PDB file of N, CA and C in Angstrom:
ATOM      1  N   MET A   1       0.982  -1.109   0.117  1.00  0.00           N
ATOM      2  CA  MET A   1      -0.006  -0.087   0.155  1.00  0.00           C
ATOM      3  C   MET A   1       0.799   1.176   0.057  1.00  0.00           C
ATOM      4  N   SER A   2       0.888   2.084  -1.087  1.00  0.00           N
ATOM      5  CA  SER A   2       1.563   3.173  -1.050  1.00  0.00           C
ATOM      6  C   SER A   2       0.890   4.429  -0.604  1.00  0.00           C
ATOM      7  N   SER A   3       1.693   5.428  -0.430  1.00  0.00           N
ATOM      8  CA  SER A   3       1.141   6.747   0.112  1.00  0.00           C
ATOM      9  C   SER A   3       1.314   7.666  -0.824  1.00  0.00           C
ATOM     10  N   ASN A   4       0.389   8.680  -0.959  1.00  0.00           N
ATOM     11  CA  ASN A   4       0.757   9.893  -1.689  1.00  0.00           C
ATOM     12  C   ASN A   4       1.439  10.968  -1.024  1.00  0.00           C
ATOM     13  N   LEU A   5       1.964  10.730   0.250  1.00  0.00           N
ATOM     14  CA  LEU A   5       2.537  11.627   0.917  1.00  0.00           C
ATOM     15  C   LEU A   5       3.997  11.810   0.424  1.00  0.00           C
ATOM     16  N   LYS A   6       4.600  12.987   0.402  1.00  0.00           N
ATOM     17  CA  LYS A   6       5.921  13.166   0.034  1.00  0.00           C
ATOM     18  C   LYS A   6       6.424  14.354   1.114  1.00  0.00           C
ATOM     19  N   ILE A   7       7.136  13.643   2.148  1.00  0.00           N
ATOM     20  CA  ILE A   7       7.499  14.519   3.312  1.00  0.00           C
ATOM     21  C   ILE A   7       9.103  14.599   3.173  1.00  0.00           C
ATOM     22  N   PRO A   8       9.585  15.867   3.079  1.00  0.00           N
ATOM     23  CA  PRO A   8      11.069  15.976   2.962  1.00  0.00           C
ATOM     24  C   PRO A   8      11.686  15.678   4.471  1.00  0.00           C
ATOM     25  N   LYS A   9      12.690  14.781   4.434  1.00  0.00           N
ATOM     26  CA  LYS A   9      13.412  14.516   5.787  1.00  0.00           C
ATOM     27  C   LYS A   9      14.887  14.383   5.661  1.00  0.00           C
ATOM     28  N   THR A  10      15.583  14.174   6.691  1.00  0.00           N
ATOM     29  CA  THR A  10      16.828  14.106   6.576  1.00  0.00           C
ATOM     30  C   THR A  10      17.259  12.691   7.334  1.00  0.00           C
ATOM     31  N   CYS A  11      18.200  11.985   6.704  1.00  0.00           N
ATOM     32  CA  CYS A  11      18.495  10.640   7.171  1.00  0.00           C
ATOM     33  C   CYS A  11      19.259  10.828   8.476  1.00  0.00           C
ATOM     34  N   LEU A  12      18.825  10.056   9.453  1.00  0.00           N
ATOM     35  CA  LEU A  12      19.664   9.982  10.880  1.00  0.00           C
ATOM     36  C   LEU A  12      20.959   9.442  10.743  1.00  0.00           C
ATOM     37  N   TYR A  13      21.201   8.423   9.894  1.00  0.00           N
ATOM     38  CA  TYR A  13      22.641   7.988   9.853  1.00  0.00           C
ATOM     39  C   TYR A  13      23.532   8.879   8.986  1.00  0.00           C
ATOM     40  N   CYS A  14      23.043   8.998   7.524  1.00  0.00           N
ATOM     41  CA  CYS A  14      24.105   9.765   6.696  1.00  0.00           C
ATOM     42  C   CYS A  14      23.994  11.134   6.738  1.00  0.00           C
ATOM     43  N   GLY A  15      22.697  11.721   7.109  1.00  0.00           N
ATOM     44  CA  GLY A  15      22.439  13.175   7.148  1.00  0.00           C
ATOM     45  C   GLY A  15      21.970  13.743   5.872  1.00  0.00           C
ATOM     46  N   LYS A  16      21.793  12.831   4.728  1.00  0.00           N
ATOM     47  CA  LYS A  16      21.378  13.237   3.528  1.00  0.00           C
ATOM     48  C   LYS A  16      19.807  13.527   3.545  1.00  0.00           C
ATOM     49  N   ALA A  17      19.428  14.412   2.616  1.00  0.00           N
ATOM     50  CA  ALA A  17      18.014  14.924   2.494  1.00  0.00           C
ATOM     51  C   ALA A  17      17.355  13.825   1.591  1.00  0.00           C
ATOM     52  N   PHE A  18      16.258  13.494   1.839  1.00  0.00           N
ATOM     53  CA  PHE A  18      15.358  12.462   1.213  1.00  0.00           C
ATOM     54  C   PHE A  18      13.918  12.601   1.399  1.00  0.00           C
ATOM     55  N   ILE A  19      13.018  12.050   0.310  1.00  0.00           N
ATOM     56  CA  ILE A  19      11.602  12.217   0.441  1.00  0.00           C
ATOM     57  C   ILE A  19      11.048  10.925   0.967  1.00  0.00           C
ATOM     58  N   ALA A  20      10.472  11.300   2.229  1.00  0.00           N
ATOM     59  CA  ALA A  20       9.770  10.130   2.893  1.00  0.00           C
ATOM     60  C   ALA A  20       8.266   9.887   2.413  1.00  0.00           C
ATOM     61  N   ARG A  21       7.834   8.680   2.376  1.00  0.00           N
ATOM     62  CA  ARG A  21       6.428   8.363   2.054  1.00  0.00           C
ATOM     63  C   ARG A  21       5.665   8.120   3.113  1.00  0.00           C
ATOM     64  N   THR A  22       6.202   8.009   4.393  1.00  0.00           N
ATOM     65  CA  THR A  22       5.412   7.950   5.703  1.00  0.00           C
ATOM     66  C   THR A  22       6.009   8.694   6.589  1.00  0.00           C
ATOM     67  N   THR A  23       5.148   8.971   7.671  1.00  0.00           N
ATOM     68  CA  THR A  23       5.615   9.937   8.611  1.00  0.00           C
ATOM     69  C   THR A  23       6.638   9.506   9.623  1.00  0.00           C
ATOM     70  N   VAL A  24       6.863   8.221   9.661  1.00  0.00           N
ATOM     71  CA  VAL A  24       7.720   7.612  10.580  1.00  0.00           C
ATOM     72  C   VAL A  24       9.113   7.034  10.046  1.00  0.00           C
ATOM     73  N   THR A  25       9.253   7.441   8.883  1.00  0.00           N
ATOM     74  CA  THR A  25      10.514   6.914   8.060  1.00  0.00           C
ATOM     75  C   THR A  25      11.721   7.804   8.810  1.00  0.00           C
ATOM     76  N   LYS A  26      12.826   7.249   9.189  1.00  0.00           N
ATOM     77  CA  LYS A  26      13.954   7.994   9.727  1.00  0.00           C
ATOM     78  C   LYS A  26      15.176   7.926   8.799  1.00  0.00           C
ATOM     79  N   TYR A  27      15.370   6.794   8.017  1.00  0.00           N
ATOM     80  CA  TYR A  27      16.654   6.685   7.224  1.00  0.00           C
ATOM     81  C   TYR A  27      16.229   6.785   5.738  1.00  0.00           C
ATOM     82  N   CYS A  28      17.263   7.020   4.925  1.00  0.00           N
ATOM     83  CA  CYS A  28      16.935   7.266   3.306  1.00  0.00           C
ATOM     84  C   CYS A  28      16.883   5.940   2.798  1.00  0.00           C
ATOM     85  N   GLY A  29      17.212   4.830   3.402  1.00  0.00           N
ATOM     86  CA  GLY A  29      17.178   3.482   2.661  1.00  0.00           C
ATOM     87  C   GLY A  29      17.587   2.420   3.718  1.00  0.00           C
ATOM     88  N   HIS A  30      17.415   1.160   3.345  1.00  0.00           N
ATOM     89  CA  HIS A  30      17.719  -0.063   4.116  1.00  0.00           C
ATOM     90  C   HIS A  30      19.173   0.013   4.541  1.00  0.00           C
ATOM     91  N   LYS A  31      20.118   0.324   3.692  1.00  0.00           N
ATOM     92  CA  LYS A  31      21.589   0.347   4.016  1.00  0.00           C
ATOM     93  C   LYS A  31      21.804   1.207   5.219  1.00  0.00           C
ATOM     94  N   CYS A  32      21.230   2.508   5.190  1.00  0.00           N
ATOM     95  CA  CYS A  32      21.372   3.335   6.320  1.00  0.00           C
ATOM     96  C   CYS A  32      20.763   2.779   7.555  1.00  0.00           C
ATOM     97  N   ASN A  33      19.713   2.273   7.451  1.00  0.00           N
ATOM     98  CA  ASN A  33      18.983   1.761   8.673  1.00  0.00           C
ATOM     99  C   ASN A  33      19.861   0.457   9.207  1.00  0.00           C
ATOM    100  N   SER A  34      20.434  -0.267   8.417  1.00  0.00           N
ATOM    101  CA  SER A  34      21.127  -1.395   8.983  1.00  0.00           C
ATOM    102  C   SER A  34      22.499  -0.832   9.575  1.00  0.00           C
ATOM    103  N   ARG A  35      23.138  -0.090   8.997  1.00  0.00           N
ATOM    104  CA  ARG A  35      24.460   0.551   9.484  1.00  0.00           C
ATOM    105  C   ARG A  35      24.206   1.204  10.712  1.00  0.00           C
ATOM    106  N   HIS A  36      23.137   1.927  11.081  1.00  0.00           N
ATOM    107  CA  HIS A  36      22.724   2.695  12.207  1.00  0.00           C
ATOM    108  C   HIS A  36      22.607   1.623  13.268  1.00  0.00           C
ATOM    109  N   TYR A  37      21.747   0.595  12.965  1.00  0.00           N
ATOM    110  CA  TYR A  37      21.548  -0.348  14.008  1.00  0.00           C
ATOM    111  C   TYR A  37      22.653  -1.080  14.483  1.00  0.00           C
ATOM    112  N   LYS A  38      23.586  -1.450  13.531  1.00  0.00           N
ATOM    113  CA  LYS A  38      24.787  -2.016  13.920  1.00  0.00           C
ATOM    114  C   LYS A  38      25.793  -1.155  14.804  1.00  0.00           C
ATOM    115  N   GLN A  39      25.781   0.087  14.608  1.00  0.00           N
ATOM    116  CA  GLN A  39      26.535   1.085  15.266  1.00  0.00           C
ATOM    117  C   GLN A  39      25.861   1.157  16.541  1.00  0.00           C
ATOM    118  N   LEU A  40      24.758   1.189  16.760  1.00  0.00           N
ATOM    119  CA  LEU A  40      24.119   1.112  18.218  1.00  0.00           C
ATOM    120  C   LEU A  40      24.433  -0.164  18.911  1.00  0.00           C
ATOM    121  N   LYS A  41      24.412  -1.273  18.189  1.00  0.00           N
ATOM    122  CA  LYS A  41      24.805  -2.604  18.919  1.00  0.00           C
ATOM    123  C   LYS A  41      26.137  -2.397  19.328  1.00  0.00           C
ATOM    124  N   ARG A  42      27.064  -2.058  18.666  1.00  0.00           N
ATOM    125  CA  ARG A  42      28.474  -1.882  18.860  1.00  0.00           C
ATOM    126  C   ARG A  42      28.713  -1.025  20.068  1.00  0.00           C
ATOM    127  N   GLU A  43      27.862   0.246  20.100  1.00  0.00           N
ATOM    128  CA  GLU A  43      28.040   1.248  21.307  1.00  0.00           C
ATOM    129  C   GLU A  43      27.515   0.409  22.481  1.00  0.00           C
ATOM    130  N   GLU A  44      26.599  -0.272  22.460  1.00  0.00           N
ATOM    131  CA  GLU A  44      25.943  -1.007  23.722  1.00  0.00           C
ATOM    132  C   GLU A  44      27.061  -2.044  24.216  1.00  0.00           C
ATOM    133  N   LYS A  45      27.730  -2.648  23.292  1.00  0.00           N
ATOM    134  CA  LYS A  45      28.637  -3.651  23.661  1.00  0.00           C
ATOM    135  C   LYS A  45      29.824  -2.881  24.370  1.00  0.00           C
ATOM    136  N   VAL A  46      30.294  -1.834  23.780  1.00  0.00           N
ATOM    137  CA  VAL A  46      31.454  -1.020  24.493  1.00  0.00           C
ATOM    138  C   VAL A  46      30.860  -0.607  25.873  1.00  0.00           C
ATOM    139  N   GLN A  47      29.609  -0.116  25.940  1.00  0.00           N
ATOM    140  CA  GLN A  47      29.284   0.481  27.201  1.00  0.00           C
ATOM    141  C   GLN A  47      29.182  -0.722  28.273  1.00  0.00           C
ATOM    142  N   ASP A  48      28.637  -1.837  27.880  1.00  0.00           N
ATOM    143  CA  ASP A  48      28.571  -2.991  28.750  1.00  0.00           C
ATOM    144  C   ASP A  48      29.979  -3.336  29.242  1.00  0.00           C
ATOM    145  N   SER A  49      30.835  -3.348  28.266  1.00  0.00           N
ATOM    146  CA  SER A  49      32.232  -3.762  28.683  1.00  0.00           C
ATOM    147  C   SER A  49      32.883  -2.696  29.675  1.00  0.00           C
ATOM    148  N   LEU A  50      32.600  -1.469  29.437  1.00  0.00           N
ATOM    149  CA  LEU A  50      33.072  -0.457  30.430  1.00  0.00           C
ATOM    150  C   LEU A  50      32.332  -0.652  31.640  1.00  0.00           C
ATOM    151  N   GLN A  51      30.991  -0.806  31.760  1.00  0.00           N
ATOM    152  CA  GLN A  51      30.346  -1.142  33.188  1.00  0.00           C
ATOM    153  C   GLN A  51      31.099  -2.211  33.823  1.00  0.00           C
ATOM    154  N   GLN A  52      31.315  -3.318  33.197  1.00  0.00           N
ATOM    155  CA  GLN A  52      31.938  -4.464  33.751  1.00  0.00           C
ATOM    156  C   GLN A  52      33.490  -4.062  34.305  1.00  0.00           C
ATOM    157  N   ASP A  53      34.260  -3.483  33.616  1.00  0.00           N
ATOM    158  CA  ASP A  53      35.434  -2.947  34.046  1.00  0.00           C
ATOM    159  C   ASP A  53      35.436  -2.188  35.322  1.00  0.00           C
ATOM    160  N   ILE A  54      34.197  -1.254  35.295  1.00  0.00           N
ATOM    161  CA  ILE A  54      34.317  -0.317  36.483  1.00  0.00           C
ATOM    162  C   ILE A  54      33.740  -1.150  37.624  1.00  0.00           C
ATOM    163  N   GLN A  55      32.868  -2.043  37.469  1.00  0.00           N
ATOM    164  CA  GLN A  55      32.365  -3.041  38.628  1.00  0.00           C
ATOM    165  C   GLN A  55      33.604  -3.820  39.160  1.00  0.00           C
ATOM    166  N   GLN A  56      34.575  -4.307  38.293  1.00  0.00           N
ATOM    167  CA  GLN A  56      35.554  -5.196  38.868  1.00  0.00           C
ATOM    168  C   GLN A  56      36.576  -4.267  39.459  1.00  0.00           C
ATOM    169  N   LYS A  57      36.806  -3.075  39.044  1.00  0.00           N
ATOM    170  CA  LYS A  57      37.649  -2.227  39.768  1.00  0.00           C
ATOM    171  C   LYS A  57      37.290  -1.776  41.028  1.00  0.00           C
ATOM    172  N   GLN A  58      35.916  -1.581  41.139  1.00  0.00           N
ATOM    173  CA  GLN A  58      35.278  -1.107  42.419  1.00  0.00           C
ATOM    174  C   GLN A  58      35.121  -2.366  43.585  1.00  0.00           C
ATOM    175  N   GLY A  59      35.241  -3.458  42.807  1.00  0.00           N
ATOM    176  CA  GLY A  59      34.937  -4.583  43.807  1.00  0.00           C
ATOM    177  C   GLY A  59      33.636  -4.971  44.004  1.00  0.00           C
ATOM    178  N   ASN A  60      32.610  -4.288  43.287  1.00  0.00           N
ATOM    179  CA  ASN A  60      31.098  -4.446  43.331  1.00  0.00           C
ATOM    180  C   ASN A  60      30.645  -5.523  42.419  1.00  0.00           C
ATOM    181  N   THR A  61      31.347  -6.638  42.416  1.00  0.00           N
ATOM    182  CA  THR A  61      30.888  -7.754  41.627  1.00  0.00           C
ATOM    183  C   THR A  61      29.627  -8.273  42.193  1.00  0.00           C
ATOM    184  N   GLU A  62      28.782  -8.909  41.255  1.00  0.00           N
ATOM    185  CA  GLU A  62      27.393  -9.366  41.772  1.00  0.00           C
ATOM    186  C   GLU A  62      27.777 -10.554  42.653  1.00  0.00           C
ATOM    187  N   VAL A  63      26.773 -10.697  43.597  1.00  0.00           N
ATOM    188  CA  VAL A  63      26.762 -11.727  44.577  1.00  0.00           C
ATOM    189  C   VAL A  63      26.292 -13.092  43.767  1.00  0.00           C
ATOM    190  N   SER A  64      27.178 -14.219  43.868  1.00  0.00           N
ATOM    191  CA  SER A  64      26.751 -15.303  43.154  1.00  0.00           C
ATOM    192  C   SER A  64      25.496 -16.046  43.707  1.00  0.00           C
ATOM    193  N   ASN A  65      24.885 -16.832  42.970  1.00  0.00           N
ATOM    194  CA  ASN A  65      23.813 -17.562  43.355  1.00  0.00           C
ATOM    195  C   ASN A  65      23.980 -18.480  44.305  1.00  0.00           C
ATOM    196  N   PRO A  66      23.324 -18.452  45.480  1.00  0.00           N
ATOM    197  CA  PRO A  66      23.537 -19.468  46.636  1.00  0.00           C
ATOM    198  C   PRO A  66      23.455 -20.753  46.185  1.00  0.00           C
ATOM    199  N   ASN A  67      22.766 -21.116  45.049  1.00  0.00           N
ATOM    200  CA  ASN A  67      22.562 -22.572  44.711  1.00  0.00           C
ATOM    201  C   ASN A  67      23.603 -22.999  43.626  1.00  0.00           C
ATOM    202  N   SER A  68      24.645 -22.022  43.488  1.00  0.00           N
ATOM    203  CA  SER A  68      25.697 -22.358  42.453  1.00  0.00           C
ATOM    204  C   SER A  68      26.483 -23.462  43.121  1.00  0.00           C
ATOM    205  N   ILE A  69      27.520 -23.988  42.260  1.00  0.00           N
ATOM    206  CA  ILE A  69      28.249 -25.091  42.566  1.00  0.00           C
ATOM    207  C   ILE A  69      29.305 -24.681  43.763  1.00  0.00           C
ATOM    208  N   ALA A  70      29.715 -23.251  43.812  1.00  0.00           N
ATOM    209  CA  ALA A  70      30.518 -22.795  44.853  1.00  0.00           C
ATOM    210  C   ALA A  70      29.923 -22.950  46.219  1.00  0.00           C
ATOM    211  N   TYR A  71      28.682 -23.002  46.423  1.00  0.00           N
ATOM    212  CA  TYR A  71      28.062 -23.054  47.727  1.00  0.00           C
ATOM    213  C   TYR A  71      27.710 -24.433  48.274  1.00  0.00           C
ATOM    214  N   LYS A  72      27.783 -25.286  47.327  1.00  0.00           N
ATOM    215  CA  LYS A  72      27.255 -26.776  47.692  1.00  0.00           C
ATOM    216  C   LYS A  72      28.136 -27.580  48.188  1.00  0.00           C
ATOM    217  N   ASP A  73      27.636 -28.352  49.395  1.00  0.00           N
ATOM    218  CA  ASP A  73      28.458 -29.436  50.099  1.00  0.00           C
ATOM    219  C   ASP A  73      28.493 -30.656  49.374  1.00  0.00           C
ATOM    220  N   PHE A  74      27.554 -30.946  48.620  1.00  0.00           N
ATOM    221  CA  PHE A  74      27.430 -32.238  47.927  1.00  0.00           C
ATOM    222  C   PHE A  74      27.119 -32.093  46.456  1.00  0.00           C
ATOM    223  N   LEU A  75      27.809 -32.595  45.438  1.00  0.00           N
ATOM    224  CA  LEU A  75      27.773 -32.407  44.045  1.00  0.00           C
ATOM    225  C   LEU A  75      27.381 -33.657  43.393  1.00  0.00           C
ATOM    226  N   SER A  76      26.741 -33.451  42.249  1.00  0.00           N
ATOM    227  CA  SER A  76      26.505 -34.536  41.196  1.00  0.00           C
ATOM    228  C   SER A  76      27.692 -34.793  40.592  1.00  0.00           C
ATOM    229  N   ILE A  77      27.900 -35.989  39.876  1.00  0.00           N
ATOM    230  CA  ILE A  77      29.073 -36.153  39.155  1.00  0.00           C
ATOM    231  C   ILE A  77      29.120 -35.057  37.958  1.00  0.00           C
ATOM    232  N   SER A  78      28.081 -34.691  37.458  1.00  0.00           N
ATOM    233  CA  SER A  78      28.256 -33.559  36.414  1.00  0.00           C
ATOM    234  C   SER A  78      28.764 -32.375  37.114  1.00  0.00           C
ATOM    235  N   GLU A  79      28.223 -31.955  38.204  1.00  0.00           N
ATOM    236  CA  GLU A  79      28.767 -30.704  38.841  1.00  0.00           C
ATOM    237  C   GLU A  79      30.116 -30.864  39.194  1.00  0.00           C
ATOM    238  N   ALA A  80      30.516 -32.071  39.820  1.00  0.00           N
ATOM    239  CA  ALA A  80      31.928 -32.362  40.126  1.00  0.00           C
ATOM    240  C   ALA A  80      32.839 -32.121  38.949  1.00  0.00           C
ATOM    241  N   SER A  81      32.375 -32.637  37.836  1.00  0.00           N
ATOM    242  CA  SER A  81      33.264 -32.547  36.620  1.00  0.00           C
ATOM    243  C   SER A  81      33.442 -31.116  36.074  1.00  0.00           C
ATOM    244  N   GLU A  82      32.383 -30.289  36.238  1.00  0.00           N
ATOM    245  CA  GLU A  82      32.369 -28.932  35.852  1.00  0.00           C
ATOM    246  C   GLU A  82      33.218 -28.215  36.711  1.00  0.00           C
ATOM    247  N   LEU A  83      33.174 -28.523  38.148  1.00  0.00           N
ATOM    248  CA  LEU A  83      33.994 -27.870  39.006  1.00  0.00           C
ATOM    249  C   LEU A  83      35.573 -28.258  38.896  1.00  0.00           C
ATOM    250  N   LEU A  84      35.928 -29.276  38.557  1.00  0.00           N
ATOM    251  CA  LEU A  84      37.405 -29.635  38.277  1.00  0.00           C
ATOM    252  C   LEU A  84      37.741 -29.475  36.801  1.00  0.00           C
ATOM    253  N   GLY A  85      36.709 -29.232  36.030  1.00  0.00           N
ATOM    254  CA  GLY A  85      37.156 -28.932  34.523  1.00  0.00           C
ATOM    255  C   GLY A  85      37.626 -30.207  33.708  1.00  0.00           C
ATOM    256  N   VAL A  86      36.969 -31.308  34.121  1.00  0.00           N
ATOM    257  CA  VAL A  86      37.278 -32.530  33.478  1.00  0.00           C
ATOM    258  C   VAL A  86      35.906 -33.154  32.878  1.00  0.00           C
ATOM    259  N   SER A  87      36.053 -34.212  32.140  1.00  0.00           N
ATOM    260  CA  SER A  87      34.772 -34.760  31.808  1.00  0.00           C
ATOM    261  C   SER A  87      34.125 -35.587  32.806  1.00  0.00           C
ATOM    262  N   ARG A  88      32.855 -35.792  32.595  1.00  0.00           N
ATOM    263  CA  ARG A  88      31.961 -36.605  33.527  1.00  0.00           C
ATOM    264  C   ARG A  88      32.748 -38.020  33.619  1.00  0.00           C
ATOM    265  N   TRP A  89      33.186 -38.566  32.472  1.00  0.00           N
ATOM    266  CA  TRP A  89      33.584 -39.904  32.542  1.00  0.00           C
ATOM    267  C   TRP A  89      34.841 -40.036  33.425  1.00  0.00           C
ATOM    268  N   THR A  90      35.626 -39.026  33.489  1.00  0.00           N
ATOM    269  CA  THR A  90      36.816 -38.944  34.253  1.00  0.00           C
ATOM    270  C   THR A  90      36.452 -39.169  35.865  1.00  0.00           C
ATOM    271  N   ILE A  91      35.484 -38.375  36.007  1.00  0.00           N
ATOM    272  CA  ILE A  91      34.946 -38.553  37.609  1.00  0.00           C
ATOM    273  C   ILE A  91      34.497 -39.805  37.833  1.00  0.00           C
ATOM    274  N   GLN A  92      33.763 -40.418  36.846  1.00  0.00           N
ATOM    275  CA  GLN A  92      33.272 -41.920  37.134  1.00  0.00           C
ATOM    276  C   GLN A  92      34.374 -42.895  37.302  1.00  0.00           C
ATOM    277  N   ARG A  93      35.410 -42.530  36.367  1.00  0.00           N
ATOM    278  CA  ARG A  93      36.566 -43.482  36.611  1.00  0.00           C
ATOM    279  C   ARG A  93      37.176 -43.352  37.888  1.00  0.00           C
ATOM    280  N   MET A  94      37.241 -42.034  38.448  1.00  0.00           N
ATOM    281  CA  MET A  94      37.853 -41.884  39.647  1.00  0.00           C
ATOM    282  C   MET A  94      36.996 -42.682  40.887  1.00  0.00           C
ATOM    283  N   VAL A  95      35.689 -42.630  40.746  1.00  0.00           N
ATOM    284  CA  VAL A  95      34.850 -43.261  41.626  1.00  0.00           C
ATOM    285  C   VAL A  95      35.027 -44.772  41.481  1.00  0.00           C
ATOM    286  N   LYS A  96      35.215 -45.311  40.324  1.00  0.00           N
ATOM    287  CA  LYS A  96      35.403 -46.845  40.073  1.00  0.00           C
ATOM    288  C   LYS A  96      36.716 -47.107  40.732  1.00  0.00           C
ATOM    289  N   ARG A  97      37.789 -46.405  40.539  1.00  0.00           N
ATOM    290  CA  ARG A  97      39.059 -46.606  41.080  1.00  0.00           C
ATOM    291  C   ARG A  97      39.141 -46.450  42.638  1.00  0.00           C
ATOM    292  N   GLY A  98      38.107 -45.894  43.253  1.00  0.00           N
ATOM    293  CA  GLY A  98      38.182 -45.609  44.675  1.00  0.00           C
ATOM    294  C   GLY A  98      38.742 -44.329  45.113  1.00  0.00           C
ATOM    295  N   GLN A  99      39.143 -43.465  44.175  1.00  0.00           N
ATOM    296  CA  GLN A  99      39.817 -42.135  44.439  1.00  0.00           C
ATOM    297  C   GLN A  99      38.721 -41.192  45.074  1.00  0.00           C
ATOM    298  N   LEU A 100      37.483 -41.403  44.553  1.00  0.00           N
ATOM    299  CA  LEU A 100      36.397 -40.719  45.248  1.00  0.00           C
ATOM    300  C   LEU A 100      35.245 -41.634  45.476  1.00  0.00           C
ATOM    301  N   LYS A 101      34.510 -41.197  46.565  1.00  0.00           N
ATOM    302  CA  LYS A 101      33.403 -41.982  47.033  1.00  0.00           C
ATOM    303  C   LYS A 101      32.206 -41.235  46.617  1.00  0.00           C
ATOM    304  N   ALA A 102      31.359 -41.902  45.880  1.00  0.00           N
ATOM    305  CA  ALA A 102      30.020 -41.450  45.521  1.00  0.00           C
ATOM    306  C   ALA A 102      28.789 -42.242  46.148  1.00  0.00           C
ATOM    307  N   VAL A 103      27.890 -41.665  46.485  1.00  0.00           N
ATOM    308  CA  VAL A 103      26.813 -42.319  47.191  1.00  0.00           C
ATOM    309  C   VAL A 103      25.590 -42.135  46.246  1.00  0.00           C
ATOM    310  N   PRO A 104      24.961 -43.259  45.921  1.00  0.00           N
ATOM    311  CA  PRO A 104      23.694 -43.279  44.902  1.00  0.00           C
ATOM    312  C   PRO A 104      22.704 -42.519  45.606  1.00  0.00           C
ATOM    313  N   MET A 105      21.952 -41.609  45.037  1.00  0.00           N
ATOM    314  CA  MET A 105      20.937 -40.858  45.370  1.00  0.00           C
ATOM    315  C   MET A 105      19.931 -40.871  44.290  1.00  0.00           C
ATOM    316  N   GLY A 106      18.963 -41.895  44.469  1.00  0.00           N
ATOM    317  CA  GLY A 106      17.973 -41.999  43.288  1.00  0.00           C
ATOM    318  C   GLY A 106      18.682 -42.420  42.000  1.00  0.00           C
ATOM    319  N   ARG A 107      18.659 -41.765  40.896  1.00  0.00           N
ATOM    320  CA  ARG A 107      19.250 -42.019  39.827  1.00  0.00           C
ATOM    321  C   ARG A 107      20.768 -41.350  39.654  1.00  0.00           C
ATOM    322  N   LYS A 108      20.838 -40.568  40.515  1.00  0.00           N
ATOM    323  CA  LYS A 108      22.304 -39.858  40.537  1.00  0.00           C
ATOM    324  C   LYS A 108      23.273 -40.311  41.603  1.00  0.00           C
ATOM    325  N   HIS A 109      24.400 -40.025  41.408  1.00  0.00           N
ATOM    326  CA  HIS A 109      25.496 -40.281  42.227  1.00  0.00           C
ATOM    327  C   HIS A 109      25.915 -38.989  42.819  1.00  0.00           C
ATOM    328  N   ILE A 110      26.122 -38.814  44.286  1.00  0.00           N
ATOM    329  CA  ILE A 110      26.572 -37.709  44.918  1.00  0.00           C
ATOM    330  C   ILE A 110      27.889 -37.850  45.497  1.00  0.00           C
ATOM    331  N   VAL A 111      28.606 -36.818  45.269  1.00  0.00           N
ATOM    332  CA  VAL A 111      30.076 -36.703  45.800  1.00  0.00           C
ATOM    333  C   VAL A 111      30.201 -35.728  46.709  1.00  0.00           C
ATOM    334  N   ALA A 112      30.774 -35.744  47.903  1.00  0.00           N
ATOM    335  CA  ALA A 112      30.974 -34.861  48.941  1.00  0.00           C
ATOM    336  C   ALA A 112      32.202 -33.860  48.440  1.00  0.00           C
ATOM    337  N   ARG A 113      31.762 -32.525  48.702  1.00  0.00           N
ATOM    338  CA  ARG A 113      32.745 -31.580  48.179  1.00  0.00           C
ATOM    339  C   ARG A 113      34.157 -31.651  48.927  1.00  0.00           C
ATOM    340  N   TRP A 114      34.236 -32.132  50.115  1.00  0.00           N
ATOM    341  CA  TRP A 114      35.412 -32.262  50.846  1.00  0.00           C
ATOM    342  C   TRP A 114      36.336 -33.209  50.267  1.00  0.00           C
ATOM    343  N   GLN A 115      35.797 -34.324  49.532  1.00  0.00           N
ATOM    344  CA  GLN A 115      36.543 -35.365  48.908  1.00  0.00           C
ATOM    345  C   GLN A 115      37.224 -34.852  47.813  1.00  0.00           C
ATOM    346  N   ILE A 116      36.646 -33.860  47.044  1.00  0.00           N
ATOM    347  CA  ILE A 116      37.204 -33.266  45.795  1.00  0.00           C
ATOM    348  C   ILE A 116      38.413 -32.345  46.365  1.00  0.00           C
ATOM    349  N   GLU A 117      38.034 -31.645  47.261  1.00  0.00           N
ATOM    350  CA  GLU A 117      39.097 -30.699  47.858  1.00  0.00           C
ATOM    351  C   GLU A 117      40.345 -31.505  48.427  1.00  0.00           C
ATOM    352  N   SER A 118      40.152 -32.630  48.972  1.00  0.00           N
ATOM    353  CA  SER A 118      41.157 -33.464  49.539  1.00  0.00           C
ATOM    354  C   SER A 118      42.061 -34.232  48.454  1.00  0.00           C
ATOM    355  N   LEU A 119      41.564 -34.062  47.210  1.00  0.00           N
ATOM    356  CA  LEU A 119      42.380 -34.642  46.072  1.00  0.00           C
ATOM    357  C   LEU A 119      43.480 -33.662  45.805  1.00  0.00           C
ATOM    358  N   PHE A 120      43.503 -32.378  46.291  1.00  0.00           N
ATOM    359  CA  PHE A 120      44.502 -31.501  46.101  1.00  0.00           C
ATOM    360  C   PHE A 120      45.359 -31.180  47.281  1.00  0.00           C
ATOM    361  N   ASN A 121      45.105 -31.967  48.323  1.00  0.00           N
ATOM    362  CA  ASN A 121      46.020 -31.634  49.570  1.00  0.00           C
ATOM    363  C   ASN A 121      46.936 -32.880  49.692  1.00  0.00           C
TER     364      ASN A 121
END
C-alpha cells in the first residue's frame, strides 16, 4: 500500500536529504538503517564492557547465586566434573578406582565436596 505523502526529511545516519512516503521514516534507505542499527549495537557492547570493568575495579561484583556449585557441600557427577574442569567420565573412573566415594541418590550419584578438595591436599 503506497502513500501519496511526500515529506522532506534528513537521514539520521548519513545526514542526506530524502523524500519520505510515511511519517515515521527515519532513514534514506535500508542500508543506512542497517548500518545505524549495527552502530548502536556496537556502542551497547562497548558500554557493557566499560560497566563491567568499572564494577571489577570497584570490587562491586554481583553476589553469586547461593545454589551455584561454589556453595554446595554435595555435588552430582556432572557438577563435580564442571568444578574440576574434566569430563563426566573422568569423575566416574575416579569413583570406580576408589579415588572418590560417590553415594547413589535415586538415579544420581552424589560426591561430597570435601573429597574433591582432599584430592589437592
